[in-house]
Amino acid sequence: MFGEEQVNIQRTKEQQQREHVLPSSKIEIHLSGNHLQIRFAVTDQRLAKVKAIPFRQWHKERRYWSIPYTRKSLDKLRDLFGQELLLHFIPQDDIPDDLAAPPKTTIADKKRPELRFSDALIQLEEQLMLKRYSPHTSKSYRSHFATFLLRYNDIHPTELTETHIRTYLMEVIADGRSESHQNQIINAIKFYYEQVLQQERKVYYLPRPKRPQKLPNALSEEEVRRLISVIDNLKHTCIIMMIYSAGLRLSEVVNLRISDINSSQMRIFVKGGNGKKDRHVGLSEKILLRLRAYYKLYRPHDWLFEGQYGGQYGKSSVQKIFRRAKLASRVNPHATVHSLRHSYATHLLDRGINLRYIQELLGHSSSKTTEIYTHISQKGKLQVKSPLDDLAI
């Protein structure tokens, strides 16, 4: 994995925080209204037990778990922790025995009327599942198609014509939606009629919006250096360096497992990237040194980067790390986590790396996708002499 080499590291703030424990070794239970607050010194075993309690909830700001105050909850705590429990209250006799699962409501449930022909949406979901579409794409298709069905809630989907679809798209455009949003709607509608109902290309002749030719938002090498240098947390530093050093997508860095790092061959295995494509990318020597120090300090179990209480590191957490570093380093304010991937590709091109190699390292299916970096690479451009300099003036 990271090799046998030992790396000397100093005691850091995050190490002190991880070693901090509560004054009491007990599982402390406080009563707050109709909920129980649970605080304890964290161990993997205790955390696993708490996660086995129904209706648990983690409160990040105040750093405690809460569960409903019921007789069943108390019995569950006693079964799990026994003598480790320390109750800071006297249980009442009239507490409810159990609590029914709270109904899950979403914003969509509150705003949207009832979908009359919901069977069409179910058919769409089943076909998406059978074709093994990604969760992100499936969620997008479901949402767009459901909104389309609601627009014609009194007409069965099989009776809708291309005129209905065109009218709906005109309304979407008038509403100020982006070209990308419009394309996603067309894709969702096409999928239902062509893949679910097996009809002819019902929306084949619908005009696709012309997408704006935007250049990737890449950082300069100096900006990347400043961005990384302001991060003082070892794990956070490794995450940002890993993205830039290998040109990874956000989903790819959080999906890395310890076994994906091959230090003997100096490469990283990226499993199931965009389009479900596997690939290998080079492992930077600098990131390897920091990974060894990180592993000694954090001891992740499975995922390369795990959350504070175990499990896969969250995408939103990576985005927060980047935003804080971006503000502190005062780099391009429009940059995102994905800008690190763009920067990786651009800086490789600046170094004269063949575009075909960059395409494979990034996992692009088409070379045209990779060619966009030629528009932002500075290689050779600054050496182009202006024709004005040759005029005899």
Protein backbone atom coordinates (compact mmCIF):
# COMPACT_ATOMS: atom_id res chain seq x y z
CA MET A 1 0.00 0.00 0.00
CA PHE A 2 2.08 2.97 1.26
CA GLY A 3 5.32 0.94 1.58
CA GLU A 4 7.43 0.03 4.62
CA GLU A 5 9.31 3.31 4.89
CA GLN A 6 8.86 5.00 8.25
CA VAL A 7 8.07 8.69 8.26
CA ASN A 8 8.89 10.86 11.26
CA ILE A 9 6.07 13.28 12.04
CA GLN A 10 5.58 15.79 14.81
CA ARG A 11 2.66 15.80 17.15
CA THR A 12 -0.05 17.92 15.56
CA LYS A 13 -3.23 19.62 16.70
CA GLU A 14 -5.43 17.06 15.00
CA GLN A 15 -3.60 14.24 16.80
CA GLN A 16 -4.27 15.91 20.13
CA GLN A 17 -7.93 16.27 19.24
CA ARG A 18 -8.22 12.60 18.32
CA GLU A 19 -6.66 11.55 21.60
CA HIS A 20 -8.96 13.77 23.67
CA VAL A 21 -11.54 11.86 25.70
CA LEU A 22 -14.33 12.92 27.99
CA PRO A 23 -13.56 13.22 31.70
CA SER A 24 -15.79 10.22 32.27
CA SER A 25 -15.36 6.91 30.48
CA LYS A 26 -19.12 6.32 30.79
CA ILE A 27 -21.83 6.71 28.17
CA GLU A 28 -23.42 9.90 29.50
CA ILE A 29 -27.16 10.33 28.93
CA HIS A 30 -28.93 13.65 29.49
CA LEU A 31 -32.64 14.37 29.15
CA SER A 32 -33.62 17.29 26.91
CA GLY A 33 -37.37 17.63 26.38
CA ASN A 34 -38.59 14.46 24.66
CA HIS A 35 -35.10 13.42 23.53
CA LEU A 36 -32.07 11.82 25.12
CA GLN A 37 -28.65 13.36 24.52
CA ILE A 38 -25.80 10.82 24.28
CA ARG A 39 -22.17 11.81 24.80
CA PHE A 40 -19.19 9.47 25.05
CA ALA A 41 -15.52 9.04 24.29
CA VAL A 42 -15.49 7.76 20.70
CA THR A 43 -14.38 4.25 19.85
CA ASP A 44 -15.30 2.23 16.77
CA GLN A 45 -17.22 -0.28 18.91
CA ARG A 46 -19.28 2.36 20.71
CA LEU A 47 -20.01 4.21 17.49
CA ALA A 48 -21.25 1.04 15.83
CA LYS A 49 -23.60 0.38 18.76
CA VAL A 50 -25.07 3.89 18.69
CA LYS A 51 -25.70 3.58 14.97
CA ALA A 52 -27.78 0.49 15.71
CA ILE A 53 -30.32 2.57 17.66
CA PRO A 54 -33.43 3.56 15.64
CA PHE A 55 -34.15 7.27 15.01
CA ARG A 56 -30.69 8.35 16.15
CA GLN A 57 -29.49 11.77 15.05
CA TRP A 58 -26.04 13.35 15.13
CA HIS A 59 -25.81 17.03 16.15
CA LYS A 60 -22.60 18.30 14.62
CA GLU A 61 -22.47 21.75 16.23
CA ARG A 62 -22.89 20.55 19.83
CA ARG A 63 -21.29 17.18 19.16
CA TYR A 64 -23.77 14.72 20.64
CA TRP A 65 -26.19 12.03 19.49
CA SER A 66 -29.90 12.20 20.27
CA ILE A 67 -32.65 9.59 20.31
CA PRO A 68 -36.34 9.78 21.26
CA TYR A 69 -37.08 9.52 24.99
CA THR A 70 -39.03 6.25 25.06
CA ARG A 71 -38.96 3.12 27.13
CA LYS A 72 -37.78 1.12 24.14
CA SER A 73 -34.85 3.53 23.63
CA LEU A 74 -33.79 3.19 27.27
CA ASP A 75 -34.01 -0.58 27.07
CA LYS A 76 -31.93 -0.53 23.90
CA LEU A 77 -29.25 1.61 25.59
CA ARG A 78 -29.11 -0.75 28.57
CA ASP A 79 -28.81 -3.78 26.30
CA LEU A 80 -26.01 -2.20 24.30
CA PHE A 81 -23.94 -0.56 27.03
CA GLY A 82 -24.99 -2.09 30.36
CA GLN A 83 -22.80 -0.79 33.20
CA GLU A 84 -21.21 1.81 30.95
CA LEU A 85 -24.37 3.93 31.10
CA LEU A 86 -24.48 7.03 33.30
CA LEU A 87 -27.99 8.58 33.46
CA HIS A 88 -28.12 12.22 34.55
CA PHE A 89 -31.88 12.03 35.22
CA ILE A 90 -34.46 9.74 36.80
CA PRO A 91 -36.61 7.96 34.19
CA GLN A 92 -40.32 8.69 34.44
CA ASP A 93 -42.98 6.01 34.68
CA ASP A 94 -45.29 7.48 32.04
CA ILE A 95 -42.89 7.74 29.11
CA PRO A 96 -44.17 6.24 25.83
CA ASP A 97 -43.17 2.68 25.07
CA ASP A 98 -42.19 3.34 21.48
CA LEU A 99 -42.21 6.00 18.80
CA ALA A 100 -43.58 5.48 15.34
CA ALA A 101 -41.27 6.33 12.48
CA PRO A 102 -41.76 9.99 11.50
CA PRO A 103 -43.13 10.44 8.00
CA LYS A 104 -40.51 11.62 5.54
CA THR A 105 -41.60 14.75 3.73
CA THR A 106 -39.65 16.62 1.08
CA ILE A 107 -39.98 20.04 -0.47
CA ALA A 108 -41.30 18.37 -3.60
CA ASP A 109 -44.05 16.65 -1.57
CA LYS A 110 -45.19 19.99 -0.15
CA LYS A 111 -45.19 21.95 -3.42
CA ARG A 112 -46.19 19.44 -6.06
CA PRO A 113 -49.75 18.21 -6.56
CA GLU A 114 -50.40 14.50 -6.74
CA LEU A 115 -49.10 12.90 -9.93
CA ARG A 116 -52.05 11.31 -11.71
CA PHE A 117 -50.14 8.90 -13.97
CA SER A 118 -47.45 7.84 -11.52
CA ASP A 119 -47.16 4.43 -13.23
CA ALA A 120 -45.21 6.12 -16.05
CA LEU A 121 -42.68 7.46 -13.56
CA ILE A 122 -42.36 4.02 -11.97
CA GLN A 123 -41.70 2.47 -15.40
CA LEU A 124 -39.00 5.07 -16.02
CA GLU A 125 -37.34 4.32 -12.68
CA GLU A 126 -37.38 0.56 -13.33
CA GLN A 127 -35.79 0.97 -16.77
CA LEU A 128 -33.11 3.27 -15.36
CA MET A 129 -32.33 0.63 -12.76
CA LEU A 130 -32.21 -2.19 -15.29
CA LYS A 131 -29.84 -0.22 -17.50
CA ARG A 132 -27.69 0.53 -14.43
CA TYR A 133 -27.69 4.29 -14.87
CA SER A 134 -25.73 6.18 -12.23
CA PRO A 135 -27.65 7.45 -9.15
CA HIS A 136 -26.97 11.05 -10.18
CA THR A 137 -28.33 10.58 -13.72
CA SER A 138 -31.32 8.55 -12.47
CA LYS A 139 -32.24 11.24 -9.97
CA SER A 140 -32.03 13.92 -12.67
CA TYR A 141 -34.19 11.96 -15.13
CA ARG A 142 -36.84 11.18 -12.49
CA SER A 143 -37.09 14.80 -11.42
CA HIS A 144 -37.32 16.25 -14.93
CA PHE A 145 -39.78 13.64 -16.16
CA ALA A 146 -42.04 14.01 -13.12
CA THR A 147 -42.21 17.79 -13.67
CA PHE A 148 -43.05 17.19 -17.32
CA LEU A 149 -45.85 14.76 -16.40
CA LEU A 150 -47.31 17.26 -13.93
CA ARG A 151 -47.48 19.89 -16.68
CA TYR A 152 -49.92 17.59 -18.52
CA ASN A 153 -51.40 15.88 -15.48
CA ASP A 154 -54.78 15.29 -17.18
CA ILE A 155 -53.33 13.62 -20.28
CA HIS A 156 -51.92 10.11 -20.28
CA PRO A 157 -48.22 10.14 -21.29
CA THR A 158 -48.87 7.80 -24.25
CA GLU A 159 -51.24 10.42 -25.71
CA LEU A 160 -48.77 13.28 -25.57
CA THR A 161 -47.39 14.44 -28.90
CA GLU A 162 -44.26 16.22 -30.05
CA THR A 163 -46.29 19.44 -30.00
CA HIS A 164 -46.89 19.00 -26.28
CA ILE A 165 -43.18 18.49 -25.72
CA ARG A 166 -42.22 21.54 -27.81
CA THR A 167 -44.71 23.70 -25.91
CA TYR A 168 -43.28 22.53 -22.60
CA LEU A 169 -39.72 23.27 -23.73
CA MET A 170 -40.73 26.77 -24.85
CA GLU A 171 -42.09 27.36 -21.34
CA VAL A 172 -38.83 26.12 -19.85
CA ILE A 173 -36.84 28.53 -22.04
CA ALA A 174 -39.17 31.42 -21.18
CA ASP A 175 -38.60 30.60 -17.53
CA GLY A 176 -34.92 31.41 -18.01
CA ARG A 177 -33.53 27.88 -17.61
CA SER A 178 -30.01 27.16 -18.86
CA GLU A 179 -29.07 25.26 -22.02
CA SER A 180 -27.81 22.38 -19.86
CA HIS A 181 -31.14 22.22 -18.00
CA GLN A 182 -33.01 22.11 -21.30
CA ASN A 183 -30.84 19.28 -22.60
CA GLN A 184 -31.41 17.25 -19.43
CA ILE A 185 -35.18 17.59 -19.87
CA ILE A 186 -34.95 16.40 -23.48
CA ASN A 187 -32.81 13.43 -22.42
CA ALA A 188 -35.31 12.41 -19.73
CA ILE A 189 -38.31 12.64 -22.06
CA LYS A 190 -36.46 10.81 -24.85
CA PHE A 191 -35.52 8.04 -22.44
CA TYR A 192 -39.16 7.38 -21.50
CA TYR A 193 -40.55 7.27 -25.03
CA GLU A 194 -37.64 5.52 -26.70
CA GLN A 195 -36.30 3.23 -23.95
CA VAL A 196 -39.43 2.52 -21.89
CA LEU A 197 -42.22 2.59 -24.49
CA GLN A 198 -39.88 1.50 -27.32
CA GLN A 199 -41.41 4.10 -29.63
CA GLU A 200 -39.70 5.69 -32.59
CA ARG A 201 -37.54 8.69 -31.92
CA LYS A 202 -40.38 10.86 -30.70
CA VAL A 203 -38.23 13.84 -29.79
CA TYR A 204 -35.41 13.15 -32.23
CA TYR A 205 -36.14 16.26 -34.28
CA LEU A 206 -36.36 18.60 -31.31
CA PRO A 207 -33.70 21.29 -31.71
CA ARG A 208 -30.92 20.99 -29.19
CA PRO A 209 -29.77 24.25 -27.62
CA LYS A 210 -26.30 25.39 -28.59
CA ARG A 211 -24.12 25.24 -25.51
CA PRO A 212 -21.88 28.20 -24.73
CA GLN A 213 -18.21 27.45 -25.38
CA LYS A 214 -16.86 28.12 -21.91
CA LEU A 215 -13.21 27.51 -21.11
CA PRO A 216 -12.31 25.35 -18.08
CA ASN A 217 -11.59 27.40 -14.97
CA ALA A 218 -8.00 26.35 -14.25
CA LEU A 219 -5.65 27.71 -11.59
CA SER A 220 -2.04 28.66 -12.23
CA GLU A 221 0.71 26.55 -10.64
CA GLU A 222 1.40 29.38 -8.19
CA GLU A 223 -2.28 29.49 -7.19
CA VAL A 224 -2.30 25.73 -6.59
CA ARG A 225 0.82 26.09 -4.40
CA ARG A 226 -0.81 28.87 -2.35
CA LEU A 227 -4.05 26.92 -2.06
CA ILE A 228 -2.31 23.85 -0.63
CA SER A 229 0.05 25.83 1.64
CA VAL A 230 -2.77 27.46 3.65
CA ILE A 231 -4.28 24.10 4.70
CA ASP A 232 -2.96 23.08 8.14
CA ASN A 233 -4.86 19.81 8.54
CA LEU A 234 -2.93 16.75 7.30
CA LYS A 235 -5.98 14.85 6.04
CA HIS A 236 -7.35 17.91 4.25
CA THR A 237 -3.95 18.57 2.68
CA CYS A 238 -3.79 14.99 1.38
CA ILE A 239 -7.27 15.21 -0.14
CA ILE A 240 -6.59 18.41 -2.06
CA MET A 241 -3.12 17.26 -3.14
CA MET A 242 -4.53 13.91 -4.28
CA ILE A 243 -7.14 15.58 -6.51
CA TYR A 244 -4.60 17.87 -8.16
CA SER A 245 -1.75 15.35 -8.38
CA ALA A 246 -3.84 12.78 -10.26
CA GLY A 247 -6.52 14.91 -11.92
CA LEU A 248 -9.33 13.20 -10.03
CA ARG A 249 -13.00 14.06 -10.00
CA LEU A 250 -14.65 14.80 -6.66
CA SER A 251 -16.51 11.47 -6.70
CA GLU A 252 -13.30 9.61 -7.54
CA VAL A 253 -11.26 10.93 -4.61
CA VAL A 254 -13.92 10.02 -2.01
CA ASN A 255 -14.31 6.56 -3.60
CA LEU A 256 -10.63 5.69 -3.27
CA ARG A 257 -9.84 2.73 -1.03
CA ILE A 258 -6.56 2.04 0.73
CA SER A 259 -5.97 -0.90 -1.61
CA ASP A 260 -6.16 1.44 -4.62
CA ILE A 261 -2.79 2.99 -3.73
CA ASN A 262 0.07 0.96 -5.19
CA SER A 263 3.33 2.44 -3.91
CA SER A 264 5.52 -0.29 -5.42
CA GLN A 265 4.38 0.57 -8.95
CA MET A 266 3.71 4.24 -8.08
CA ARG A 267 0.20 4.30 -9.44
CA ILE A 268 -3.40 4.82 -8.31
CA PHE A 269 -6.29 2.62 -9.40
CA VAL A 270 -9.41 4.69 -10.15
CA LYS A 271 -12.36 2.30 -10.19
CA GLY A 272 -15.62 3.14 -11.93
CA GLY A 273 -14.91 6.69 -13.00
CA ASN A 274 -17.26 8.71 -15.17
CA GLY A 275 -19.00 6.29 -17.55
CA LYS A 276 -18.03 3.40 -15.26
CA LYS A 277 -14.52 3.29 -16.72
CA ASP A 278 -11.55 2.04 -14.68
CA ARG A 279 -8.12 3.59 -15.19
CA HIS A 280 -4.66 3.93 -13.65
CA VAL A 281 -2.97 7.26 -12.95
CA GLY A 282 0.50 8.03 -11.65
CA LEU A 283 1.17 8.36 -7.92
CA SER A 284 3.09 11.50 -6.99
CA GLU A 285 6.13 11.01 -4.74
CA LYS A 286 5.15 14.05 -2.68
CA ILE A 287 1.63 12.83 -2.05
CA LEU A 288 2.97 9.38 -1.12
CA LEU A 289 5.12 10.87 1.66
CA ARG A 290 2.14 12.72 3.08
CA LEU A 291 -0.11 9.67 2.72
CA ARG A 292 2.29 7.65 4.87
CA ALA A 293 2.22 10.31 7.56
CA TYR A 294 -1.57 10.54 7.25
CA TYR A 295 -2.00 6.78 7.56
CA LYS A 296 0.12 6.60 10.72
CA LEU A 297 -1.96 9.34 12.31
CA TYR A 298 -5.52 8.45 11.24
CA ARG A 299 -5.38 4.68 10.60
CA PRO A 300 -8.27 4.49 8.09
CA HIS A 301 -9.89 1.04 7.88
CA ASP A 302 -11.17 0.73 4.31
CA TRP A 303 -11.67 4.01 2.49
CA LEU A 304 -8.51 6.03 1.92
CA PHE A 305 -10.22 9.11 3.34
CA GLU A 306 -12.76 8.47 6.07
CA GLY A 307 -14.96 10.76 8.13
CA GLN A 308 -14.33 11.66 11.74
CA TYR A 309 -16.41 8.71 12.92
CA GLY A 310 -15.52 6.32 10.15
CA GLY A 311 -17.18 5.63 6.84
CA GLN A 312 -16.65 7.26 3.48
CA TYR A 313 -15.60 10.91 3.45
CA GLY A 314 -18.37 13.20 2.20
CA LYS A 315 -18.26 15.18 -1.03
CA SER A 316 -19.65 18.26 0.69
CA SER A 317 -16.82 18.07 3.24
CA VAL A 318 -14.24 18.16 0.45
CA GLN A 319 -16.00 21.18 -1.06
CA LYS A 320 -15.87 22.96 2.31
CA ILE A 321 -12.14 22.28 2.58
CA PHE A 322 -11.62 23.78 -0.86
CA ARG A 323 -13.78 26.84 -0.20
CA ARG A 324 -11.95 27.65 3.04
CA ALA A 325 -8.56 27.24 1.36
CA LYS A 326 -9.68 29.34 -1.61
CA LEU A 327 -10.69 32.22 0.63
CA ALA A 328 -7.54 31.99 2.75
CA SER A 329 -5.18 31.82 -0.25
CA ARG A 330 -7.07 34.45 -2.30
CA VAL A 331 -6.86 32.49 -5.51
CA ASN A 332 -9.41 32.72 -8.33
CA PRO A 333 -12.75 33.21 -6.49
CA HIS A 334 -14.65 31.36 -9.24
CA ALA A 335 -12.61 28.17 -8.83
CA THR A 336 -14.22 24.94 -7.62
CA VAL A 337 -12.88 21.54 -6.61
CA HIS A 338 -13.14 20.50 -10.26
CA SER A 339 -10.78 23.37 -11.14
CA LEU A 340 -7.97 21.26 -9.67
CA ARG A 341 -8.64 18.59 -12.32
CA HIS A 342 -8.63 21.27 -15.03
CA SER A 343 -5.38 22.64 -13.60
CA TYR A 344 -3.78 19.18 -13.66
CA ALA A 345 -4.58 18.73 -17.35
CA THR A 346 -3.50 22.25 -18.29
CA HIS A 347 -0.20 22.02 -16.44
CA LEU A 348 0.58 18.66 -18.07
CA LEU A 349 -0.06 20.21 -21.48
CA ASP A 350 2.19 23.14 -20.57
CA ARG A 351 4.94 20.60 -19.87
CA GLY A 352 4.62 19.13 -23.34
CA ILE A 353 2.78 15.92 -22.40
CA ASN A 354 1.04 14.35 -25.41
CA LEU A 355 -2.69 15.15 -25.55
CA ARG A 356 -3.51 11.46 -26.05
CA TYR A 357 -1.81 10.56 -22.76
CA ILE A 358 -3.69 13.33 -20.97
CA GLN A 359 -6.96 11.98 -22.40
CA GLU A 360 -6.26 8.54 -20.95
CA LEU A 361 -5.17 9.92 -17.58
CA LEU A 362 -8.37 11.95 -17.31
CA GLY A 363 -10.56 9.06 -18.48
CA HIS A 364 -12.12 10.99 -21.39
CA SER A 365 -13.92 8.90 -24.01
CA SER A 366 -13.41 11.47 -26.74
CA SER A 367 -10.27 13.40 -27.60
CA LYS A 368 -12.44 16.42 -28.34
CA THR A 369 -13.19 16.72 -24.64
CA THR A 370 -9.49 16.88 -23.87
CA GLU A 371 -8.70 19.29 -26.70
CA ILE A 372 -10.42 22.12 -24.86
CA TYR A 373 -7.32 22.44 -22.66
CA THR A 374 -5.32 23.58 -25.67
CA HIS A 375 -7.29 26.83 -25.49
CA ILE A 376 -6.04 27.67 -22.01
CA SER A 377 -2.54 26.19 -22.09
CA GLN A 378 0.18 28.83 -22.25
CA LYS A 379 2.68 26.54 -23.98
CA GLY A 380 4.10 28.38 -26.99
CA LYS A 381 1.50 31.15 -26.93
CA LEU A 382 3.66 33.64 -25.08
CA GLN A 383 6.48 33.08 -27.57
CA VAL A 384 4.34 34.10 -30.55
CA LYS A 385 5.71 37.36 -31.91
CA SER A 386 3.27 40.10 -32.77
CA PRO A 387 3.30 41.10 -36.49
CA LEU A 388 3.48 44.71 -35.34
CA ASP A 389 7.07 44.12 -34.31
CA ASP A 390 8.08 43.47 -37.94
CA LEU A 391 6.61 46.66 -39.33
CA ALA A 392 9.07 49.39 -40.29
CA ILE A 393 7.50 52.07 -38.16
